[in-house]
Amino acid sequence: LTPISLSAGDWPQILGPDRDGVATNERLHAAWGNRGPKKLWESPVGDGFAGVAVAAEKVISFVREPKAEVVQCHDAATGEVLWQSPSPCDYQGGISTDKGPRCVPLIAGNRVITLGVTGRLRCTNLADGSELWQRDTTADFEPLEGYFGVGSTPVLAGDRVIVNVGGRKDASIVAFSLKDGSTLWNTFTDAASYSSPILTKSGNTTLAIVVTRLHLCGIDTADGRLLFSLPFGARGPTVNGASPGILG
């Protein structure tokens, strides 16, 4: 479970290495010319709203095919498909005709974490796409159904995969073991949002900042203690969809 040493160009999760949209140690061309950047390769993929994750010279996409959600790995240099890992999915959409998925893959060392539109949390091997474990968060935690299925990308805190599940009975936010997918802790009660959690430090404590359906929460990632919650959002035909940011 040793994390990969990130190099310039790696983008292993939503909004980049630190989930703040910042690319460090990068140099941009001052001018692209009339034709823009040169296309190196292209590859057909399925449907969905999940962006790619990039690390260790691999590009991970997460897409919908007719009867499955598919994690696939491309060689970053050539675009060659190195492996595919499908999982059955029959989500048909509701308000939107889109059928997902919506969550950007998370590359964590030699593992890839994906959260599907129906709440299926999967961990696959970055090397060959073999499935290491999976959890059905909908069956396990009975979340309230969102307008557009599941769409909050998990965050990794050490060996904990923290997910905005939206489950009932103190299972709005759940931490799963990166090693085997077991539940490490669960806390708070609220529906899920479409906002992705971030991490920050307060003294020696690592906090997960999570926007749920109607709250902004701060949680100790070590044990799931709810350190604060504030009302945020509105009832009715609305969603919380923007990821939080840390200022200062």
Protein backbone atom coordinates (compact mmCIF):
# COMPACT_ATOMS: atom_id res chain seq x y z
CA LEU A 1 0.00 0.00 0.00
CA THR A 2 3.00 2.32 -0.37
CA PRO A 3 1.86 5.47 -2.23
CA ILE A 4 3.30 6.21 -5.65
CA SER A 5 5.80 9.08 -5.76
CA LEU A 6 4.01 11.61 -7.94
CA SER A 7 5.87 13.29 -10.76
CA ALA A 8 5.06 16.37 -12.79
CA GLY A 9 1.98 15.68 -14.87
CA ASP A 10 0.39 13.23 -12.44
CA TRP A 11 -3.24 13.98 -11.63
CA PRO A 12 -4.27 11.01 -9.48
CA GLN A 13 -7.68 12.26 -8.32
CA ILE A 14 -10.31 14.92 -8.83
CA LEU A 15 -8.77 18.43 -8.96
CA GLY A 16 -5.22 17.08 -8.86
CA PRO A 17 -2.71 15.91 -6.25
CA ASP A 18 -4.05 18.12 -3.45
CA ARG A 19 -7.66 18.49 -4.68
CA ASP A 20 -7.17 22.21 -5.19
CA GLY A 21 -6.85 22.40 -8.95
CA VAL A 22 -3.17 23.39 -8.73
CA ALA A 23 -0.50 21.79 -10.93
CA THR A 24 2.94 22.18 -9.36
CA ASN A 25 6.33 21.86 -11.07
CA GLU A 26 4.70 22.36 -14.46
CA ARG A 27 5.81 24.60 -17.33
CA LEU A 28 3.26 25.85 -19.85
CA HIS A 29 4.07 26.90 -23.38
CA ALA A 30 3.90 30.66 -23.80
CA ALA A 31 2.17 30.14 -27.15
CA TRP A 32 0.57 27.13 -28.83
CA GLY A 33 0.52 28.36 -32.41
CA ASN A 34 -2.49 28.48 -34.69
CA ARG A 35 -3.22 24.77 -34.49
CA GLY A 36 -2.93 24.45 -30.73
CA PRO A 37 -1.19 21.54 -28.97
CA LYS A 38 -0.30 18.49 -31.05
CA LYS A 39 -2.63 15.51 -30.64
CA LEU A 40 -0.60 12.51 -29.49
CA TRP A 41 -3.37 9.91 -29.38
CA GLU A 42 -7.07 9.40 -28.91
CA SER A 43 -9.17 6.48 -27.73
CA PRO A 44 -12.91 5.80 -27.82
CA VAL A 45 -14.57 5.38 -24.43
CA GLY A 46 -18.08 4.92 -23.08
CA ASP A 47 -20.43 7.47 -21.54
CA GLY A 48 -20.46 9.34 -18.24
CA PHE A 49 -19.18 12.42 -16.45
CA ALA A 50 -16.13 10.97 -14.67
CA GLY A 51 -12.84 12.64 -15.60
CA VAL A 52 -9.60 10.69 -15.87
CA ALA A 53 -6.92 10.15 -13.23
CA VAL A 54 -3.23 9.97 -14.20
CA ALA A 55 -0.25 8.47 -12.33
CA ALA A 56 2.71 6.17 -12.97
CA GLU A 57 2.45 6.74 -16.77
CA LYS A 58 -1.09 5.34 -16.73
CA VAL A 59 -4.40 7.05 -17.53
CA ILE A 60 -7.44 5.65 -15.73
CA SER A 61 -10.90 6.27 -17.15
CA PHE A 62 -14.25 5.24 -15.66
CA VAL A 63 -17.12 4.97 -18.12
CA ARG A 64 -20.53 3.47 -18.76
CA GLU A 65 -21.13 0.79 -21.34
CA PRO A 66 -24.66 -0.51 -21.99
CA LYS A 67 -24.76 -3.01 -19.10
CA ALA A 68 -21.64 -2.21 -17.08
CA GLU A 69 -19.44 0.46 -15.57
CA VAL A 70 -15.90 -0.05 -16.83
CA VAL A 71 -12.59 1.00 -15.30
CA GLN A 72 -9.93 1.02 -17.99
CA CYS A 73 -6.24 1.80 -18.08
CA HIS A 74 -4.43 3.46 -20.99
CA ASP A 75 -0.71 3.80 -21.53
CA ALA A 76 -0.12 7.55 -21.10
CA ALA A 77 2.44 7.66 -23.91
CA THR A 78 0.60 5.71 -26.58
CA GLY A 79 -3.06 5.48 -25.54
CA GLU A 80 -2.95 1.68 -25.73
CA VAL A 81 -5.62 0.06 -23.55
CA LEU A 82 -3.65 -2.01 -21.03
CA TRP A 83 -6.63 -3.49 -19.21
CA GLN A 84 -10.36 -3.18 -18.59
CA SER A 85 -12.32 -4.06 -15.46
CA PRO A 86 -16.12 -4.10 -15.87
CA SER A 87 -18.78 -4.24 -13.17
CA PRO A 88 -22.50 -4.83 -13.89
CA CYS A 89 -24.66 -1.69 -13.77
CA ASP A 90 -28.31 -1.21 -14.71
CA TYR A 91 -28.83 2.42 -13.60
CA GLN A 92 -31.16 4.17 -16.04
CA GLY A 93 -31.24 7.74 -14.74
CA GLY A 94 -34.18 9.77 -13.53
CA ILE A 95 -34.34 13.53 -13.91
CA SER A 96 -31.37 13.31 -16.25
CA THR A 97 -31.17 10.68 -18.98
CA ASP A 98 -27.43 10.32 -18.33
CA LYS A 99 -26.56 6.92 -16.88
CA GLY A 100 -23.29 7.76 -15.10
CA PRO A 101 -20.74 7.24 -13.73
CA ARG A 102 -19.90 10.63 -12.21
CA CYS A 103 -16.96 10.10 -9.83
CA VAL A 104 -13.36 10.58 -10.95
CA PRO A 105 -11.17 7.53 -10.19
CA LEU A 106 -8.76 7.77 -7.26
CA ILE A 107 -5.29 6.28 -7.73
CA ALA A 108 -3.88 5.25 -4.35
CA GLY A 109 -0.47 3.65 -4.62
CA ASN A 110 -0.93 0.42 -6.57
CA ARG A 111 -4.72 0.59 -6.27
CA VAL A 112 -7.55 2.34 -8.09
CA ILE A 113 -10.71 3.32 -6.22
CA THR A 114 -13.96 3.97 -8.09
CA LEU A 115 -17.47 4.79 -6.88
CA GLY A 116 -20.22 3.97 -9.34
CA VAL A 117 -23.50 5.73 -9.97
CA THR A 118 -25.41 3.14 -7.90
CA GLY A 119 -23.00 3.33 -4.97
CA ARG A 120 -20.73 0.39 -5.82
CA LEU A 121 -17.31 1.10 -4.31
CA ARG A 122 -14.55 -0.90 -6.01
CA CYS A 123 -10.81 -1.30 -5.58
CA THR A 124 -8.81 -2.64 -8.51
CA ASN A 125 -5.14 -3.37 -9.04
CA LEU A 126 -3.40 -0.60 -10.98
CA ALA A 127 -1.06 -3.13 -12.61
CA ASP A 128 -3.62 -5.45 -14.21
CA GLY A 129 -7.16 -4.32 -13.30
CA SER A 130 -7.95 -7.33 -11.13
CA GLU A 131 -10.59 -6.60 -8.52
CA LEU A 132 -9.24 -6.56 -4.96
CA TRP A 133 -12.49 -5.81 -3.17
CA GLN A 134 -15.86 -4.11 -3.55
CA ARG A 135 -18.67 -2.79 -1.36
CA ASP A 136 -22.31 -2.11 -2.20
CA THR A 137 -22.82 1.06 -0.17
CA THR A 138 -26.49 1.28 -1.16
CA ALA A 139 -27.29 -2.17 0.21
CA ASP A 140 -25.12 -1.71 3.30
CA PHE A 141 -26.16 1.81 4.37
CA GLU A 142 -29.55 2.45 2.70
CA PRO A 143 -28.90 6.04 1.60
CA LEU A 144 -31.63 8.41 0.50
CA GLU A 145 -31.72 8.49 -3.28
CA GLY A 146 -30.21 11.54 -4.96
CA TYR A 147 -31.52 13.28 -8.03
CA PHE A 148 -28.77 11.95 -10.30
CA GLY A 149 -27.51 8.79 -8.60
CA VAL A 150 -24.20 8.76 -6.70
CA GLY A 151 -21.67 11.46 -7.57
CA SER A 152 -19.25 12.35 -4.75
CA THR A 153 -15.67 11.20 -5.42
CA PRO A 154 -14.05 9.49 -2.37
CA VAL A 155 -10.94 10.90 -0.72
CA LEU A 156 -8.00 8.98 0.74
CA ALA A 157 -6.72 9.76 4.24
CA GLY A 158 -3.81 7.45 5.00
CA ASP A 159 -5.26 3.94 4.77
CA ARG A 160 -8.88 5.16 4.89
CA VAL A 161 -11.13 5.67 1.87
CA ILE A 162 -13.66 8.27 3.01
CA VAL A 163 -16.96 8.30 1.15
CA ASN A 164 -19.91 10.69 1.21
CA VAL A 165 -22.41 7.80 1.32
CA GLY A 166 -25.49 9.59 2.64
CA GLY A 167 -26.60 6.57 4.66
CA ARG A 168 -29.14 6.50 7.44
CA LYS A 169 -28.41 5.87 11.14
CA ASP A 170 -25.08 7.72 11.51
CA ALA A 171 -23.75 6.55 8.15
CA SER A 172 -23.72 9.73 6.11
CA ILE A 173 -19.91 9.65 5.94
CA VAL A 174 -18.11 6.30 6.02
CA ALA A 175 -14.43 5.31 6.10
CA PHE A 176 -13.44 2.05 4.43
CA SER A 177 -10.13 0.23 4.71
CA LEU A 178 -7.99 0.71 1.62
CA LYS A 179 -6.58 -2.78 2.24
CA ASP A 180 -9.77 -4.85 2.27
CA GLY A 181 -12.81 -2.54 2.09
CA SER A 182 -13.99 -3.19 5.63
CA THR A 183 -15.85 -0.41 7.46
CA LEU A 184 -13.57 1.47 9.86
CA TRP A 185 -16.02 4.10 11.07
CA ASN A 186 -19.24 5.87 10.14
CA THR A 187 -20.75 9.12 11.35
CA PHE A 188 -23.47 11.77 10.96
CA THR A 189 -26.91 11.43 9.36
CA ASP A 190 -27.77 13.29 6.18
CA ALA A 191 -28.23 12.51 2.51
CA ALA A 192 -25.19 12.66 0.24
CA SER A 193 -24.29 15.53 -2.06
CA TYR A 194 -22.47 15.79 -5.38
CA SER A 195 -19.57 17.61 -3.72
CA SER A 196 -16.30 15.73 -3.23
CA PRO A 197 -14.60 15.82 0.22
CA ILE A 198 -11.19 17.36 0.79
CA LEU A 199 -8.59 17.00 3.57
CA THR A 200 -6.97 19.65 5.75
CA LYS A 201 -4.89 19.82 8.93
CA SER A 202 -5.82 21.40 12.26
CA GLY A 203 -2.83 21.03 14.59
CA ASN A 204 -2.01 17.33 14.53
CA THR A 205 -5.47 16.32 13.38
CA THR A 206 -6.33 15.49 9.77
CA LEU A 207 -9.86 16.57 8.98
CA ALA A 208 -12.14 15.52 6.17
CA ILE A 209 -14.22 18.49 5.07
CA VAL A 210 -17.43 17.04 3.66
CA VAL A 211 -20.42 18.81 2.15
CA THR A 212 -23.51 16.64 2.55
CA ARG A 213 -26.99 17.35 1.23
CA LEU A 214 -27.70 20.06 3.81
CA HIS A 215 -24.55 20.47 5.93
CA LEU A 216 -20.85 21.29 5.94
CA CYS A 217 -19.02 18.85 8.23
CA GLY A 218 -15.53 18.51 9.68
CA ILE A 219 -14.56 14.99 10.71
CA ASP A 220 -11.47 13.54 12.36
CA THR A 221 -10.24 11.04 9.77
CA ALA A 222 -8.63 8.84 12.43
CA ASP A 223 -11.79 7.86 14.28
CA GLY A 224 -14.76 9.54 12.59
CA ARG A 225 -15.44 12.04 15.37
CA LEU A 226 -17.72 14.82 14.14
CA LEU A 227 -15.84 17.99 15.05
CA PHE A 228 -18.35 20.43 13.60
CA SER A 229 -21.37 20.68 11.34
CA LEU A 230 -23.01 23.78 9.88
CA PRO A 231 -26.23 24.10 7.88
CA PHE A 232 -25.39 24.53 4.20
CA GLY A 233 -27.65 24.23 1.18
CA ALA A 234 -31.38 24.37 0.65
CA ARG A 235 -34.23 21.91 0.45
CA GLY A 236 -36.17 21.46 -2.74
CA PRO A 237 -34.94 20.80 -6.29
CA THR A 238 -31.35 21.79 -5.54
CA VAL A 239 -28.01 20.05 -5.02
CA ASN A 240 -24.69 20.79 -3.31
CA GLY A 241 -22.25 20.12 -6.11
CA ALA A 242 -19.14 22.25 -5.59
CA SER A 243 -16.12 20.86 -3.75
CA PRO A 244 -15.06 22.87 -0.67
CA GLY A 245 -11.80 24.83 -0.64
CA ILE A 246 -9.41 25.93 2.09
CA LEU A 247 -8.34 29.59 2.19
CA GLY A 248 -5.32 30.85 4.11
